[in-house]
Amino acid sequence: MKIFVKAKPSSKKETVTPIDDSHFIIAVKAPAREGKATIAIAEALAAHCNVPFSRVRLVSGFSSKEKVFEIV
């Protein structure tokens, strides 16, 4: 299943806001440096979907605010 995420790094609060079944806005406290925000977003997405972190894979958008994850 592909999940489309709009990332909001360096936020004051960590939130996962679903738009529909496959689109989310995820805000994390981690900065957008060295992939820290991407990892935090993947962890938040895994927790929201009740799957292990190892099942969440980044498909595209490593250095973009628009990211596509896949849950395998």
PDB file of N, CA and C in Angstrom:
ATOM      1  N   MET A   1       0.852  -1.163   0.000  1.00  0.00           N
ATOM      2  CA  MET A   1       0.000   0.000   0.000  1.00  0.00           C
ATOM      3  C   MET A   1       0.904   1.234   0.000  1.00  0.00           C
ATOM      4  N   LYS A   2       0.638   2.175  -0.898  1.00  0.00           N
ATOM      5  CA  LYS A   2       1.418   3.405  -0.976  1.00  0.00           C
ATOM      6  C   LYS A   2       0.737   4.498  -0.153  1.00  0.00           C
ATOM      7  N   ILE A   3       1.566   5.235   0.570  1.00  0.00           N
ATOM      8  CA  ILE A   3       1.105   6.328   1.421  1.00  0.00           C
ATOM      9  C   ILE A   3       1.801   7.604   0.968  1.00  0.00           C
ATOM     10  N   PHE A   4       1.033   8.639   0.693  1.00  0.00           N
ATOM     11  CA  PHE A   4       1.569   9.919   0.266  1.00  0.00           C
ATOM     12  C   PHE A   4       1.562  10.862   1.463  1.00  0.00           C
ATOM     13  N   VAL A   5       2.733  11.457   1.735  1.00  0.00           N
ATOM     14  CA  VAL A   5       2.909  12.246   2.946  1.00  0.00           C
ATOM     15  C   VAL A   5       3.427  13.631   2.602  1.00  0.00           C
ATOM     16  N   LYS A   6       2.813  14.634   3.224  1.00  0.00           N
ATOM     17  CA  LYS A   6       3.378  15.985   3.191  1.00  0.00           C
ATOM     18  C   LYS A   6       4.087  16.163   4.525  1.00  0.00           C
ATOM     19  N   ALA A   7       5.398  16.365   4.481  1.00  0.00           N
ATOM     20  CA  ALA A   7       6.224  16.425   5.683  1.00  0.00           C
ATOM     21  C   ALA A   7       6.297  17.847   6.227  1.00  0.00           C
ATOM     22  N   LYS A   8       6.268  17.942   7.540  1.00  0.00           N
ATOM     23  CA  LYS A   8       6.466  19.209   8.232  1.00  0.00           C
ATOM     24  C   LYS A   8       7.528  18.997   9.311  1.00  0.00           C
ATOM     25  N   PRO A   9       8.812  19.139   8.941  1.00  0.00           N
ATOM     26  CA  PRO A   9       9.881  18.946   9.926  1.00  0.00           C
ATOM     27  C   PRO A   9      10.013  20.157  10.845  1.00  0.00           C
ATOM     28  N   SER A  10      10.718  19.970  11.950  1.00  0.00           N
ATOM     29  CA  SER A  10      11.006  21.025  12.934  1.00  0.00           C
ATOM     30  C   SER A  10       9.733  21.665  13.493  1.00  0.00           C
ATOM     31  N   SER A  11       8.711  20.872  13.708  1.00  0.00           N
ATOM     32  CA  SER A  11       7.462  21.371  14.275  1.00  0.00           C
ATOM     33  C   SER A  11       7.537  21.359  15.797  1.00  0.00           C
ATOM     34  N   LYS A  12       6.689  22.144  16.423  1.00  0.00           N
ATOM     35  CA  LYS A  12       6.644  22.165  17.885  1.00  0.00           C
ATOM     36  C   LYS A  12       5.958  20.920  18.441  1.00  0.00           C
ATOM     37  N   LYS A  13       4.955  20.415  17.705  1.00  0.00           N
ATOM     38  CA  LYS A  13       4.224  19.219  18.126  1.00  0.00           C
ATOM     39  C   LYS A  13       4.340  18.157  17.043  1.00  0.00           C
ATOM     40  N   GLU A  14       4.340  16.898  17.475  1.00  0.00           N
ATOM     41  CA  GLU A  14       4.341  15.794  16.523  1.00  0.00           C
ATOM     42  C   GLU A  14       2.907  15.345  16.295  1.00  0.00           C
ATOM     43  N   THR A  15       2.449  15.428  15.041  1.00  0.00           N
ATOM     44  CA  THR A  15       1.078  15.051  14.721  1.00  0.00           C
ATOM     45  C   THR A  15       1.031  14.246  13.425  1.00  0.00           C
ATOM     46  N   VAL A  16       0.022  13.391  13.334  1.00  0.00           N
ATOM     47  CA  VAL A  16      -0.287  12.670  12.106  1.00  0.00           C
ATOM     48  C   VAL A  16      -1.726  13.017  11.762  1.00  0.00           C
ATOM     49  N   THR A  17      -1.911  13.758  10.669  1.00  0.00           N
ATOM     50  CA  THR A  17      -3.232  14.202  10.256  1.00  0.00           C
ATOM     51  C   THR A  17      -3.624  13.490   8.965  1.00  0.00           C
ATOM     52  N   PRO A  18      -4.576  12.570   9.028  1.00  0.00           N
ATOM     53  CA  PRO A  18      -5.009  11.907   7.796  1.00  0.00           C
ATOM     54  C   PRO A  18      -5.911  12.814   6.970  1.00  0.00           C
ATOM     55  N   ILE A  19      -5.668  12.839   5.664  1.00  0.00           N
ATOM     56  CA  ILE A  19      -6.526  13.572   4.740  1.00  0.00           C
ATOM     57  C   ILE A  19      -7.552  12.605   4.153  1.00  0.00           C
ATOM     58  N   ASP A  20      -7.062  11.463   3.687  1.00  0.00           N
ATOM     59  CA  ASP A  20      -7.929  10.349   3.297  1.00  0.00           C
ATOM     60  C   ASP A  20      -7.155   9.064   3.592  1.00  0.00           C
ATOM     61  N   ASP A  21      -7.538   7.962   2.988  1.00  0.00           N
ATOM     62  CA  ASP A  21      -6.915   6.677   3.329  1.00  0.00           C
ATOM     63  C   ASP A  21      -5.432   6.603   2.988  1.00  0.00           C
ATOM     64  N   SER A  22      -4.980   7.329   1.976  1.00  0.00           N
ATOM     65  CA  SER A  22      -3.585   7.202   1.561  1.00  0.00           C
ATOM     66  C   SER A  22      -2.808   8.516   1.574  1.00  0.00           C
ATOM     67  N   HIS A  23      -3.389   9.590   2.054  1.00  0.00           N
ATOM     68  CA  HIS A  23      -2.707  10.887   2.121  1.00  0.00           C
ATOM     69  C   HIS A  23      -2.697  11.398   3.562  1.00  0.00           C
ATOM     70  N   PHE A  24      -1.503  11.809   4.006  1.00  0.00           N
ATOM     71  CA  PHE A  24      -1.325  12.272   5.378  1.00  0.00           C
ATOM     72  C   PHE A  24      -0.474  13.534   5.409  1.00  0.00           C
ATOM     73  N   ILE A  25      -0.661  14.340   6.446  1.00  0.00           N
ATOM     74  CA  ILE A  25       0.252  15.422   6.781  1.00  0.00           C
ATOM     75  C   ILE A  25       0.869  15.013   8.109  1.00  0.00           C
ATOM     76  N   ILE A  26       2.195  14.889   8.130  1.00  0.00           N
ATOM     77  CA  ILE A  26       2.887  14.433   9.332  1.00  0.00           C
ATOM     78  C   ILE A  26       3.888  15.495   9.768  1.00  0.00           C
ATOM     79  N   ALA A  27       3.712  15.984  10.990  1.00  0.00           N
ATOM     80  CA  ALA A  27       4.619  16.969  11.574  1.00  0.00           C
ATOM     81  C   ALA A  27       5.479  16.281  12.627  1.00  0.00           C
ATOM     82  N   VAL A  28       6.786  16.510  12.552  1.00  0.00           N
ATOM     83  CA  VAL A  28       7.719  15.912  13.509  1.00  0.00           C
ATOM     84  C   VAL A  28       8.655  16.987  14.054  1.00  0.00           C
ATOM     85  N   LYS A  29       9.218  16.730  15.229  1.00  0.00           N
ATOM     86  CA  LYS A  29      10.133  17.671  15.861  1.00  0.00           C
ATOM     87  C   LYS A  29      11.541  17.607  15.265  1.00  0.00           C
ATOM     88  N   ALA A  30      11.881  16.521  14.609  1.00  0.00           N
ATOM     89  CA  ALA A  30      13.224  16.325  14.061  1.00  0.00           C
ATOM     90  C   ALA A  30      13.507  17.326  12.943  1.00  0.00           C
ATOM     91  N   PRO A  31      14.748  17.805  12.859  1.00  0.00           N
ATOM     92  CA  PRO A  31      15.101  18.749  11.800  1.00  0.00           C
ATOM     93  C   PRO A  31      15.246  18.036  10.455  1.00  0.00           C
ATOM     94  N   ALA A  32      15.152  18.820   9.404  1.00  0.00           N
ATOM     95  CA  ALA A  32      15.273  18.274   8.046  1.00  0.00           C
ATOM     96  C   ALA A  32      16.743  18.236   7.634  1.00  0.00           C
ATOM     97  N   ARG A  33      17.550  17.568   8.417  1.00  0.00           N
ATOM     98  CA  ARG A  33      18.979  17.425   8.133  1.00  0.00           C
ATOM     99  C   ARG A  33      19.376  15.969   8.274  1.00  0.00           C
ATOM    100  N   GLU A  34      20.188  15.498   7.349  1.00  0.00           N
ATOM    101  CA  GLU A  34      20.779  14.159   7.399  1.00  0.00           C
ATOM    102  C   GLU A  34      19.737  13.052   7.511  1.00  0.00           C
ATOM    103  N   GLY A  35      18.543  13.278   7.006  1.00  0.00           N
ATOM    104  CA  GLY A  35      17.506  12.257   7.011  1.00  0.00           C
ATOM    105  C   GLY A  35      16.812  12.036   8.336  1.00  0.00           C
ATOM    106  N   LYS A  36      17.074  12.896   9.316  1.00  0.00           N
ATOM    107  CA  LYS A  36      16.465  12.709  10.639  1.00  0.00           C
ATOM    108  C   LYS A  36      14.955  12.864  10.588  1.00  0.00           C
ATOM    109  N   ALA A  37      14.460  13.844   9.839  1.00  0.00           N
ATOM    110  CA  ALA A  37      13.013  14.053   9.740  1.00  0.00           C
ATOM    111  C   ALA A  37      12.349  12.892   8.999  1.00  0.00           C
ATOM    112  N   THR A  38      12.993  12.393   7.970  1.00  0.00           N
ATOM    113  CA  THR A  38      12.435  11.273   7.206  1.00  0.00           C
ATOM    114  C   THR A  38      12.281  10.038   8.086  1.00  0.00           C
ATOM    115  N   ILE A  39      13.271   9.765   8.904  1.00  0.00           N
ATOM    116  CA  ILE A  39      13.195   8.612   9.810  1.00  0.00           C
ATOM    117  C   ILE A  39      12.082   8.816  10.839  1.00  0.00           C
ATOM    118  N   ALA A  40      11.987  10.037  11.381  1.00  0.00           N
ATOM    119  CA  ALA A  40      10.934  10.328  12.366  1.00  0.00           C
ATOM    120  C   ALA A  40       9.551  10.220  11.737  1.00  0.00           C
ATOM    121  N   ILE A  41       9.415  10.629  10.492  1.00  0.00           N
ATOM    122  CA  ILE A  41       8.127  10.525   9.783  1.00  0.00           C
ATOM    123  C   ILE A  41       7.775   9.062   9.557  1.00  0.00           C
ATOM    124  N   ALA A  42       8.750   8.256   9.168  1.00  0.00           N
ATOM    125  CA  ALA A  42       8.501   6.823   8.966  1.00  0.00           C
ATOM    126  C   ALA A  42       8.094   6.154  10.274  1.00  0.00           C
ATOM    127  N   GLU A  43       8.730   6.547  11.378  1.00  0.00           N
ATOM    128  CA  GLU A  43       8.364   5.988  12.685  1.00  0.00           C
ATOM    129  C   GLU A  43       6.951   6.395  13.089  1.00  0.00           C
ATOM    130  N   ALA A  44       6.586   7.652  12.837  1.00  0.00           N
ATOM    131  CA  ALA A  44       5.238   8.125  13.162  1.00  0.00           C
ATOM    132  C   ALA A  44       4.197   7.423  12.297  1.00  0.00           C
ATOM    133  N   LEU A  45       4.520   7.212  11.045  1.00  0.00           N
ATOM    134  CA  LEU A  45       3.599   6.519  10.141  1.00  0.00           C
ATOM    135  C   LEU A  45       3.424   5.061  10.561  1.00  0.00           C
ATOM    136  N   ALA A  46       4.501   4.415  10.956  1.00  0.00           N
ATOM    137  CA  ALA A  46       4.417   3.020  11.427  1.00  0.00           C
ATOM    138  C   ALA A  46       3.561   2.926  12.683  1.00  0.00           C
ATOM    139  N   ALA A  47       3.740   3.865  13.606  1.00  0.00           N
ATOM    140  CA  ALA A  47       2.938   3.855  14.834  1.00  0.00           C
ATOM    141  C   ALA A  47       1.470   4.111  14.533  1.00  0.00           C
ATOM    142  N   HIS A  48       1.196   5.014  13.606  1.00  0.00           N
ATOM    143  CA  HIS A  48      -0.195   5.331  13.257  1.00  0.00           C
ATOM    144  C   HIS A  48      -0.892   4.142  12.585  1.00  0.00           C
ATOM    145  N   CYS A  49      -0.159   3.417  11.746  1.00  0.00           N
ATOM    146  CA  CYS A  49      -0.735   2.280  11.015  1.00  0.00           C
ATOM    147  C   CYS A  49      -0.609   0.961  11.772  1.00  0.00           C
ATOM    148  N   ASN A  50      -0.029   0.985  12.976  1.00  0.00           N
ATOM    149  CA  ASN A  50       0.151  -0.212  13.804  1.00  0.00           C
ATOM    150  C   ASN A  50       0.931  -1.309  13.096  1.00  0.00           C
ATOM    151  N   VAL A  51       2.034  -0.926  12.442  1.00  0.00           N
ATOM    152  CA  VAL A  51       2.928  -1.884  11.803  1.00  0.00           C
ATOM    153  C   VAL A  51       4.339  -1.636  12.332  1.00  0.00           C
ATOM    154  N   PRO A  52       5.225  -2.624  12.266  1.00  0.00           N
ATOM    155  CA  PRO A  52       6.604  -2.400  12.688  1.00  0.00           C
ATOM    156  C   PRO A  52       7.305  -1.406  11.758  1.00  0.00           C
ATOM    157  N   PHE A  53       8.271  -0.687  12.309  1.00  0.00           N
ATOM    158  CA  PHE A  53       9.034   0.292  11.537  1.00  0.00           C
ATOM    159  C   PHE A  53       9.725  -0.358  10.336  1.00  0.00           C
ATOM    160  N   SER A  54      10.120  -1.610  10.463  1.00  0.00           N
ATOM    161  CA  SER A  54      10.824  -2.303   9.386  1.00  0.00           C
ATOM    162  C   SER A  54       9.949  -2.547   8.158  1.00  0.00           C
ATOM    163  N   ARG A  55       8.630  -2.421   8.301  1.00  0.00           N
ATOM    164  CA  ARG A  55       7.718  -2.636   7.167  1.00  0.00           C
ATOM    165  C   ARG A  55       7.408  -1.366   6.411  1.00  0.00           C
ATOM    166  N   VAL A  56       7.911  -0.221   6.884  1.00  0.00           N
ATOM    167  CA  VAL A  56       7.690   1.063   6.214  1.00  0.00           C
ATOM    168  C   VAL A  56       8.931   1.390   5.394  1.00  0.00           C
ATOM    169  N   ARG A  57       8.729   1.628   4.085  1.00  0.00           N
ATOM    170  CA  ARG A  57       9.849   1.861   3.181  1.00  0.00           C
ATOM    171  C   ARG A  57       9.606   3.146   2.400  1.00  0.00           C
ATOM    172  N   LEU A  58      10.627   3.993   2.306  1.00  0.00           N
ATOM    173  CA  LEU A  58      10.540   5.232   1.533  1.00  0.00           C
ATOM    174  C   LEU A  58      10.723   4.905   0.061  1.00  0.00           C
ATOM    175  N   VAL A  59       9.733   5.289  -0.755  1.00  0.00           N
ATOM    176  CA  VAL A  59       9.797   5.012  -2.185  1.00  0.00           C
ATOM    177  C   VAL A  59      10.404   6.200  -2.923  1.00  0.00           C
ATOM    178  N   SER A  60       9.936   7.410  -2.608  1.00  0.00           N
ATOM    179  CA  SER A  60      10.491   8.597  -3.253  1.00  0.00           C
ATOM    180  C   SER A  60      10.325   9.800  -2.338  1.00  0.00           C
ATOM    181  N   GLY A  61      11.147  10.820  -2.590  1.00  0.00           N
ATOM    182  CA  GLY A  61      11.053  12.061  -1.843  1.00  0.00           C
ATOM    183  C   GLY A  61      11.978  12.156  -0.654  1.00  0.00           C
ATOM    184  N   PHE A  62      13.192  11.569  -0.752  1.00  0.00           N
ATOM    185  CA  PHE A  62      14.101  11.598   0.390  1.00  0.00           C
ATOM    186  C   PHE A  62      14.434  13.028   0.812  1.00  0.00           C
ATOM    187  N   SER A  63      14.640  13.920  -0.136  1.00  0.00           N
ATOM    188  CA  SER A  63      15.002  15.296   0.197  1.00  0.00           C
ATOM    189  C   SER A  63      13.880  16.282  -0.133  1.00  0.00           C
ATOM    190  N   SER A  64      12.654  15.795  -0.210  1.00  0.00           N
ATOM    191  CA  SER A  64      11.508  16.631  -0.546  1.00  0.00           C
ATOM    192  C   SER A  64      10.497  16.609   0.590  1.00  0.00           C
ATOM    193  N   LYS A  65       9.632  17.614   0.625  1.00  0.00           N
ATOM    194  CA  LYS A  65       8.557  17.613   1.624  1.00  0.00           C
ATOM    195  C   LYS A  65       7.416  16.695   1.208  1.00  0.00           C
ATOM    196  N   GLU A  66       7.323  16.381  -0.068  1.00  0.00           N
ATOM    197  CA  GLU A  66       6.327  15.449  -0.569  1.00  0.00           C
ATOM    198  C   GLU A  66       6.975  14.072  -0.671  1.00  0.00           C
ATOM    199  N   LYS A  67       6.570  13.136   0.165  1.00  0.00           N
ATOM    200  CA  LYS A  67       7.200  11.829   0.229  1.00  0.00           C
ATOM    201  C   LYS A  67       6.178  10.734  -0.084  1.00  0.00           C
ATOM    202  N   VAL A  68       6.681   9.638  -0.601  1.00  0.00           N
ATOM    203  CA  VAL A  68       5.847   8.469  -0.853  1.00  0.00           C
ATOM    204  C   VAL A  68       6.467   7.290  -0.098  1.00  0.00           C
ATOM    205  N   PHE A  69       5.690   6.706   0.805  1.00  0.00           N
ATOM    206  CA  PHE A  69       6.115   5.537   1.562  1.00  0.00           C
ATOM    207  C   PHE A  69       5.305   4.343   1.094  1.00  0.00           C
ATOM    208  N   GLU A  70       5.862   3.167   1.307  1.00  0.00           N
ATOM    209  CA  GLU A  70       5.157   1.934   1.007  1.00  0.00           C
ATOM    210  C   GLU A  70       5.175   1.069   2.252  1.00  0.00           C
ATOM    211  N   ILE A  71       4.031   0.532   2.600  1.00  0.00           N
ATOM    212  CA  ILE A  71       3.940  -0.395   3.715  1.00  0.00           C
ATOM    213  C   ILE A  71       3.836  -1.786   3.124  1.00  0.00           C
ATOM    214  N   VAL A  72       4.858  -2.609   3.408  1.00  0.00           N
ATOM    215  CA  VAL A  72       4.905  -3.956   2.820  1.00  0.00           C
ATOM    216  C   VAL A  72       4.504  -4.995   3.830  1.00  0.00           C
TER     217      VAL A  72
END
